[in-house]
PDB file of N, CA and C in Angstrom:
ATOM      1  N   UNK A   1     146.654 104.797  97.686  1.00  0.00           N
ATOM      2  CA  UNK A   1     147.116 106.075  98.191  1.00  0.00           C
ATOM      3  C   UNK A   1     147.780 105.845  99.543  1.00  0.00           C
ATOM      4  N   UNK A   2     149.019 106.243  99.647  1.00  0.00           N
ATOM      5  CA  UNK A   2     149.781 106.014 100.872  1.00  0.00           C
ATOM      6  C   UNK A   2     149.993 107.329 101.604  1.00  0.00           C
ATOM      7  N   UNK A   3     149.744 107.301 102.899  1.00  0.00           N
ATOM      8  CA  UNK A   3     149.957 108.483 103.716  1.00  0.00           C
ATOM      9  C   UNK A   3     151.406 108.547 104.168  1.00  0.00           C
ATOM     10  N   UNK A   4     151.893 109.724 104.321  1.00  0.00           N
ATOM     11  CA  UNK A   4     153.264 109.914 104.771  1.00  0.00           C
ATOM     12  C   UNK A   4     153.390 109.506 106.230  1.00  0.00           C
ATOM     13  N   UNK A   5     154.471 108.868 106.568  1.00  0.00           N
ATOM     14  CA  UNK A   5     154.711 108.457 107.953  1.00  0.00           C
ATOM     15  C   UNK A   5     155.750 109.346 108.610  1.00  0.00           C
ATOM     16  N   UNK A   6     156.095 110.427 107.962  1.00  0.00           N
ATOM     17  CA  UNK A   6     157.098 111.340 108.497  1.00  0.00           C
ATOM     18  C   UNK A   6     156.558 112.038 109.733  1.00  0.00           C
ATOM     19  N   UNK A   7     157.373 112.100 110.762  1.00  0.00           N
ATOM     20  CA  UNK A   7     156.998 112.772 112.000  1.00  0.00           C
ATOM     21  C   UNK A   7     157.529 114.199 112.033  1.00  0.00           C
ATOM     22  N   UNK A   8     158.183 114.630 110.965  1.00  0.00           N
ATOM     23  CA  UNK A   8     158.754 115.969 110.936  1.00  0.00           C
ATOM     24  C   UNK A   8     157.739 116.939 110.334  1.00  0.00           C
ATOM     25  N   UNK A   9     157.510 118.031 111.020  1.00  0.00           N
ATOM     26  CA  UNK A   9     156.566 119.040 110.567  1.00  0.00           C
ATOM     27  C   UNK A   9     157.326 120.125 109.811  1.00  0.00           C
ATOM     28  N   UNK A  10     156.655 120.768 108.857  1.00  0.00           N
ATOM     29  CA  UNK A  10     157.320 121.793 108.066  1.00  0.00           C
ATOM     30  C   UNK A  10     157.739 122.971 108.927  1.00  0.00           C
ATOM     31  N   UNK A  11     157.030 123.212 110.005  1.00  0.00           N
ATOM     32  CA  UNK A  11     157.391 124.315 110.884  1.00  0.00           C
ATOM     33  C   UNK A  11     158.732 124.058 111.566  1.00  0.00           C
ATOM     34  N   UNK A  12     159.084 122.785 111.778  1.00  0.00           N
ATOM     35  CA  UNK A  12     160.323 122.429 112.453  1.00  0.00           C
ATOM     36  C   UNK A  12     161.517 122.349 111.505  1.00  0.00           C
ATOM     37  N   UNK A  13     161.318 122.629 110.242  1.00  0.00           N
ATOM     38  CA  UNK A  13     162.372 122.424 109.257  1.00  0.00           C
ATOM     39  C   UNK A  13     163.266 123.643 109.067  1.00  0.00           C
ATOM     40  N   UNK A  14     163.350 124.502 110.032  1.00  0.00           N
ATOM     41  CA  UNK A  14     164.287 125.599 109.967  1.00  0.00           C
ATOM     42  C   UNK A  14     163.772 126.835 109.269  1.00  0.00           C
ATOM     43  N   UNK A  15     162.483 126.977 109.154  1.00  0.00           N
ATOM     44  CA  UNK A  15     161.932 128.187 108.554  1.00  0.00           C
ATOM     45  C   UNK A  15     162.150 129.363 109.483  1.00  0.00           C
ATOM     46  N   UNK A  16     162.336 130.501 108.898  1.00  0.00           N
ATOM     47  CA  UNK A  16     162.507 131.716 109.676  1.00  0.00           C
ATOM     48  C   UNK A  16     161.192 132.089 110.326  1.00  0.00           C
ATOM     49  N   UNK A  17     161.246 132.405 111.606  1.00  0.00           N
ATOM     50  CA  UNK A  17     160.052 132.813 112.325  1.00  0.00           C
ATOM     51  C   UNK A  17     159.767 134.286 112.041  1.00  0.00           C
ATOM     52  N   UNK A  18     158.564 134.619 111.594  1.00  0.00           N
ATOM     53  CA  UNK A  18     158.258 136.023 111.325  1.00  0.00           C
ATOM     54  C   UNK A  18     158.225 136.824 112.618  1.00  0.00           C
ATOM     55  N   UNK A  19     158.699 138.046 112.524  1.00  0.00           N
ATOM     56  CA  UNK A  19     158.677 138.919 113.683  1.00  0.00           C
ATOM     57  C   UNK A  19     157.390 139.714 113.663  1.00  0.00           C
ATOM     58  N   UNK A  20     156.801 139.842 114.813  1.00  0.00           N
ATOM     59  CA  UNK A  20     155.536 140.519 114.939  1.00  0.00           C
ATOM     60  C   UNK A  20     155.760 141.825 115.689  1.00  0.00           C
ATOM     61  N   UNK A  21     155.039 142.854 115.270  1.00  0.00           N
ATOM     62  CA  UNK A  21     155.145 144.140 115.937  1.00  0.00           C
ATOM     63  C   UNK A  21     154.585 144.023 117.345  1.00  0.00           C
ATOM     64  N   UNK A  22     155.340 144.474 118.309  1.00  0.00           N
ATOM     65  CA  UNK A  22     154.930 144.374 119.702  1.00  0.00           C
ATOM     66  C   UNK A  22     154.301 145.681 120.166  1.00  0.00           C
ATOM     67  N   UNK A  23     153.298 145.558 121.011  1.00  0.00           N
ATOM     68  CA  UNK A  23     152.669 146.724 121.600  1.00  0.00           C
ATOM     69  C   UNK A  23     153.533 147.279 122.719  1.00  0.00           C
ATOM     70  N   UNK A  24     153.204 148.462 123.165  1.00  0.00           N
ATOM     71  CA  UNK A  24     154.019 149.130 124.171  1.00  0.00           C
ATOM     72  C   UNK A  24     154.047 148.382 125.502  1.00  0.00           C
ATOM     73  N   UNK A  25     152.997 147.610 125.803  1.00  0.00           N
ATOM     74  CA  UNK A  25     152.924 146.942 127.099  1.00  0.00           C
ATOM     75  C   UNK A  25     153.424 145.503 127.072  1.00  0.00           C
ATOM     76  N   UNK A  26     153.989 145.047 125.965  1.00  0.00           N
ATOM     77  CA  UNK A  26     154.481 143.685 125.850  1.00  0.00           C
ATOM     78  C   UNK A  26     155.990 143.638 126.062  1.00  0.00           C
ATOM     79  N   UNK A  27     156.426 142.518 126.582  1.00  0.00           N
ATOM     80  CA  UNK A  27     157.857 142.279 126.720  1.00  0.00           C
ATOM     81  C   UNK A  27     158.237 141.118 125.812  1.00  0.00           C
ATOM     82  N   UNK A  28     159.493 140.985 125.445  1.00  0.00           N
ATOM     83  CA  UNK A  28     159.888 139.884 124.564  1.00  0.00           C
ATOM     84  C   UNK A  28     159.660 138.503 125.171  1.00  0.00           C
ATOM     85  N   UNK A  29     159.585 138.409 126.491  1.00  0.00           N
ATOM     86  CA  UNK A  29     159.406 137.120 127.147  1.00  0.00           C
ATOM     87  C   UNK A  29     157.999 136.572 126.991  1.00  0.00           C
ATOM     88  N   UNK A  30     157.040 137.391 126.594  1.00  0.00           N
ATOM     89  CA  UNK A  30     155.653 136.959 126.518  1.00  0.00           C
ATOM     90  C   UNK A  30     155.354 136.109 125.284  1.00  0.00           C
ATOM     91  N   UNK A  31     156.220 136.097 124.305  1.00  0.00           N
ATOM     92  CA  UNK A  31     155.959 135.366 123.077  1.00  0.00           C
ATOM     93  C   UNK A  31     156.327 133.900 123.242  1.00  0.00           C
ATOM     94  N   UNK A  32     155.418 133.008 122.810  1.00  0.00           N
ATOM     95  CA  UNK A  32     155.656 131.579 122.904  1.00  0.00           C
ATOM     96  C   UNK A  32     156.046 131.038 121.545  1.00  0.00           C
ATOM     97  N   UNK A  33     157.008 130.156 121.534  1.00  0.00           N
ATOM     98  CA  UNK A  33     157.397 129.452 120.313  1.00  0.00           C
ATOM     99  C   UNK A  33     156.912 128.013 120.437  1.00  0.00           C
ATOM    100  N   UNK A  34     156.056 127.602 119.513  1.00  0.00           N
ATOM    101  CA  UNK A  34     155.525 126.253 119.540  1.00  0.00           C
ATOM    102  C   UNK A  34     156.213 125.397 118.492  1.00  0.00           C
ATOM    103  N   UNK A  35     156.384 124.123 118.792  1.00  0.00           N
ATOM    104  CA  UNK A  35     156.920 123.200 117.803  1.00  0.00           C
ATOM    105  C   UNK A  35     155.824 122.874 116.799  1.00  0.00           C
ATOM    106  N   UNK A  36     156.173 122.181 115.741  1.00  0.00           N
ATOM    107  CA  UNK A  36     155.195 121.824 114.726  1.00  0.00           C
ATOM    108  C   UNK A  36     154.083 120.947 115.268  1.00  0.00           C
ATOM    109  N   UNK A  37     154.449 119.977 116.103  1.00  0.00           N
ATOM    110  CA  UNK A  37     153.415 119.095 116.660  1.00  0.00           C
ATOM    111  C   UNK A  37     152.517 119.852 117.631  1.00  0.00           C
ATOM    112  N   UNK A  38     153.084 120.767 118.420  1.00  0.00           N
ATOM    113  CA  UNK A  38     152.271 121.561 119.338  1.00  0.00           C
ATOM    114  C   UNK A  38     151.344 122.502 118.579  1.00  0.00           C
ATOM    115  N   UNK A  39     151.831 123.082 117.496  1.00  0.00           N
ATOM    116  CA  UNK A  39     150.996 123.952 116.667  1.00  0.00           C
ATOM    117  C   UNK A  39     149.821 123.169 116.092  1.00  0.00           C
ATOM    118  N   UNK A  40     150.091 121.938 115.630  1.00  0.00           N
ATOM    119  CA  UNK A  40     149.013 121.088 115.114  1.00  0.00           C
ATOM    120  C   UNK A  40     147.986 120.802 116.203  1.00  0.00           C
ATOM    121  N   UNK A  41     148.464 120.466 117.402  1.00  0.00           N
ATOM    122  CA  UNK A  41     147.549 120.152 118.498  1.00  0.00           C
ATOM    123  C   UNK A  41     146.670 121.343 118.846  1.00  0.00           C
ATOM    124  N   UNK A  42     147.270 122.517 118.940  1.00  0.00           N
ATOM    125  CA  UNK A  42     146.541 123.706 119.377  1.00  0.00           C
ATOM    126  C   UNK A  42     145.607 124.222 118.297  1.00  0.00           C
ATOM    127  N   UNK A  43     146.074 124.299 117.060  1.00  0.00           N
ATOM    128  CA  UNK A  43     145.305 124.949 115.992  1.00  0.00           C
ATOM    129  C   UNK A  43     144.389 124.010 115.216  1.00  0.00           C
ATOM    130  N   UNK A  44     144.583 122.699 115.322  1.00  0.00           N
ATOM    131  CA  UNK A  44     143.771 121.774 114.537  1.00  0.00           C
ATOM    132  C   UNK A  44     143.052 120.771 115.428  1.00  0.00           C
ATOM    133  N   UNK A  45     143.816 119.968 116.148  1.00  0.00           N
ATOM    134  CA  UNK A  45     143.243 118.869 116.909  1.00  0.00           C
ATOM    135  C   UNK A  45     142.310 119.356 118.014  1.00  0.00           C
ATOM    136  N   UNK A  46     142.762 120.280 118.839  1.00  0.00           N
ATOM    137  CA  UNK A  46     141.937 120.745 119.954  1.00  0.00           C
ATOM    138  C   UNK A  46     140.705 121.503 119.470  1.00  0.00           C
ATOM    139  N   UNK A  47     140.842 122.239 118.363  1.00  0.00           N
ATOM    140  CA  UNK A  47     139.691 122.935 117.786  1.00  0.00           C
ATOM    141  C   UNK A  47     138.654 121.921 117.317  1.00  0.00           C
ATOM    142  N   UNK A  48     139.116 120.865 116.675  1.00  0.00           N
ATOM    143  CA  UNK A  48     138.226 119.811 116.193  1.00  0.00           C
ATOM    144  C   UNK A  48     137.511 119.129 117.366  1.00  0.00           C
ATOM    145  N   UNK A  49     138.243 118.803 118.408  1.00  0.00           N
ATOM    146  CA  UNK A  49     137.656 118.133 119.564  1.00  0.00           C
ATOM    147  C   UNK A  49     136.635 119.035 120.255  1.00  0.00           C
ATOM    148  N   UNK A  50     136.958 120.331 120.399  1.00  0.00           N
ATOM    149  CA  UNK A  50     136.013 121.267 121.014  1.00  0.00           C
ATOM    150  C   UNK A  50     134.716 121.346 120.213  1.00  0.00           C
ATOM    151  N   UNK A  51     134.851 121.401 118.913  1.00  0.00           N
ATOM    152  CA  UNK A  51     133.663 121.477 118.052  1.00  0.00           C
ATOM    153  C   UNK A  51     132.840 120.196 118.145  1.00  0.00           C
ATOM    154  N   UNK A  52     133.509 119.065 118.175  1.00  0.00           N
ATOM    155  CA  UNK A  52     132.823 117.779 118.282  1.00  0.00           C
ATOM    156  C   UNK A  52     132.050 117.681 119.588  1.00  0.00           C
ATOM    157  N   UNK A  53     132.667 118.081 120.686  1.00  0.00           N
ATOM    158  CA  UNK A  53     132.000 118.030 121.986  1.00  0.00           C
ATOM    159  C   UNK A  53     130.772 118.939 122.001  1.00  0.00           C
ATOM    160  N   UNK A  54     130.900 120.141 121.473  1.00  0.00           N
ATOM    161  CA  UNK A  54     129.758 121.059 121.481  1.00  0.00           C
ATOM    162  C   UNK A  54     128.617 120.539 120.596  1.00  0.00           C
ATOM    163  N   UNK A  55     128.935 119.947 119.453  1.00  0.00           N
ATOM    164  CA  UNK A  55     127.890 119.389 118.589  1.00  0.00           C
ATOM    165  C   UNK A  55     127.200 118.200 119.245  1.00  0.00           C
ATOM    166  N   UNK A  56     127.964 117.370 119.955  1.00  0.00           N
ATOM    167  CA  UNK A  56     127.358 116.239 120.649  1.00  0.00           C
ATOM    168  C   UNK A  56     126.455 116.694 121.788  1.00  0.00           C
ATOM    169  N   UNK A  57     126.831 117.769 122.464  1.00  0.00           N
ATOM    170  CA  UNK A  57     125.981 118.311 123.525  1.00  0.00           C
ATOM    171  C   UNK A  57     124.668 118.845 122.945  1.00  0.00           C
ATOM    172  N   UNK A  58     124.757 119.506 121.791  1.00  0.00           N
ATOM    173  CA  UNK A  58     123.544 120.009 121.130  1.00  0.00           C
ATOM    174  C   UNK A  58     122.646 118.851 120.722  1.00  0.00           C
ATOM    175  N   UNK A  59     123.243 117.801 120.178  1.00  0.00           N
ATOM    176  CA  UNK A  59     122.466 116.628 119.757  1.00  0.00           C
ATOM    177  C   UNK A  59     121.833 115.929 120.964  1.00  0.00           C
ATOM    178  N   UNK A  60     122.600 115.828 122.063  1.00  0.00           N
ATOM    179  CA  UNK A  60     122.056 115.201 123.265  1.00  0.00           C
ATOM    180  C   UNK A  60     120.866 115.983 123.794  1.00  0.00           C
ATOM    181  N   UNK A  61     120.950 117.299 123.793  1.00  0.00           N
ATOM    182  CA  UNK A  61     119.847 118.138 124.251  1.00  0.00           C
ATOM    183  C   UNK A  61     118.615 117.945 123.362  1.00  0.00           C
ATOM    184  N   UNK A  62     118.827 117.834 122.054  1.00  0.00           N
ATOM    185  CA  UNK A  62     117.708 117.614 121.129  1.00  0.00           C
ATOM    186  C   UNK A  62     117.051 116.264 121.399  1.00  0.00           C
ATOM    187  N   UNK A  63     117.858 115.219 121.624  1.00  0.00           N
ATOM    188  CA  UNK A  63     117.296 113.902 121.932  1.00  0.00           C
ATOM    189  C   UNK A  63     116.574 113.910 123.270  1.00  0.00           C
ATOM    190  N   UNK A  64     117.076 114.644 124.247  1.00  0.00           N
ATOM    191  CA  UNK A  64     116.403 114.730 125.539  1.00  0.00           C
ATOM    192  C   UNK A  64     115.038 115.395 125.397  1.00  0.00           C
ATOM    193  N   UNK A  65     114.953 116.471 124.607  1.00  0.00           N
ATOM    194  CA  UNK A  65     113.665 117.135 124.380  1.00  0.00           C
ATOM    195  C   UNK A  65     112.697 116.218 123.642  1.00  0.00           C
ATOM    196  N   UNK A  66     113.206 115.462 122.672  1.00  0.00           N
ATOM    197  CA  UNK A  66     112.380 114.511 121.916  1.00  0.00           C
ATOM    198  C   UNK A  66     111.875 113.407 122.850  1.00  0.00           C
ATOM    199  N   UNK A  67     112.754 112.936 123.730  1.00  0.00           N
ATOM    200  CA  UNK A  67     112.397 111.856 124.643  1.00  0.00           C
ATOM    201  C   UNK A  67     111.335 112.302 125.640  1.00  0.00           C
ATOM    202  N   UNK A  68     111.344 113.561 126.053  1.00  0.00           N
ATOM    203  CA  UNK A  68     110.365 114.061 126.990  1.00  0.00           C
ATOM    204  C   UNK A  68     108.949 114.068 126.400  1.00  0.00           C
ATOM    205  N   UNK A  69     108.849 114.204 125.078  1.00  0.00           N
ATOM    206  CA  UNK A  69     107.548 114.252 124.435  1.00  0.00           C
ATOM    207  C   UNK A  69     106.900 112.872 124.367  1.00  0.00           C
ATOM    208  N   UNK A  70     107.717 111.828 124.401  1.00  0.00           N
ATOM    209  CA  UNK A  70     107.163 110.475 124.245  1.00  0.00           C
ATOM    210  C   UNK A  70     107.403 109.670 125.450  1.00  0.00           C
TER     211      UNK A  70
END
């Protein structure tokens, strides 16, 4: 099984960006456009890293409590 080595993301392939209904207090300048790689970093990679760090902190706390007993 071979993984793709393409660096091009589907988001960068010229898809039309959906328009979102804006609230009365928003201006058009407030909307950010992210590239495909930035979207991956924000929505996948950083979420994964945050979850990993929090789980490791929970595990460390459990080991510290266990260590205090012995």
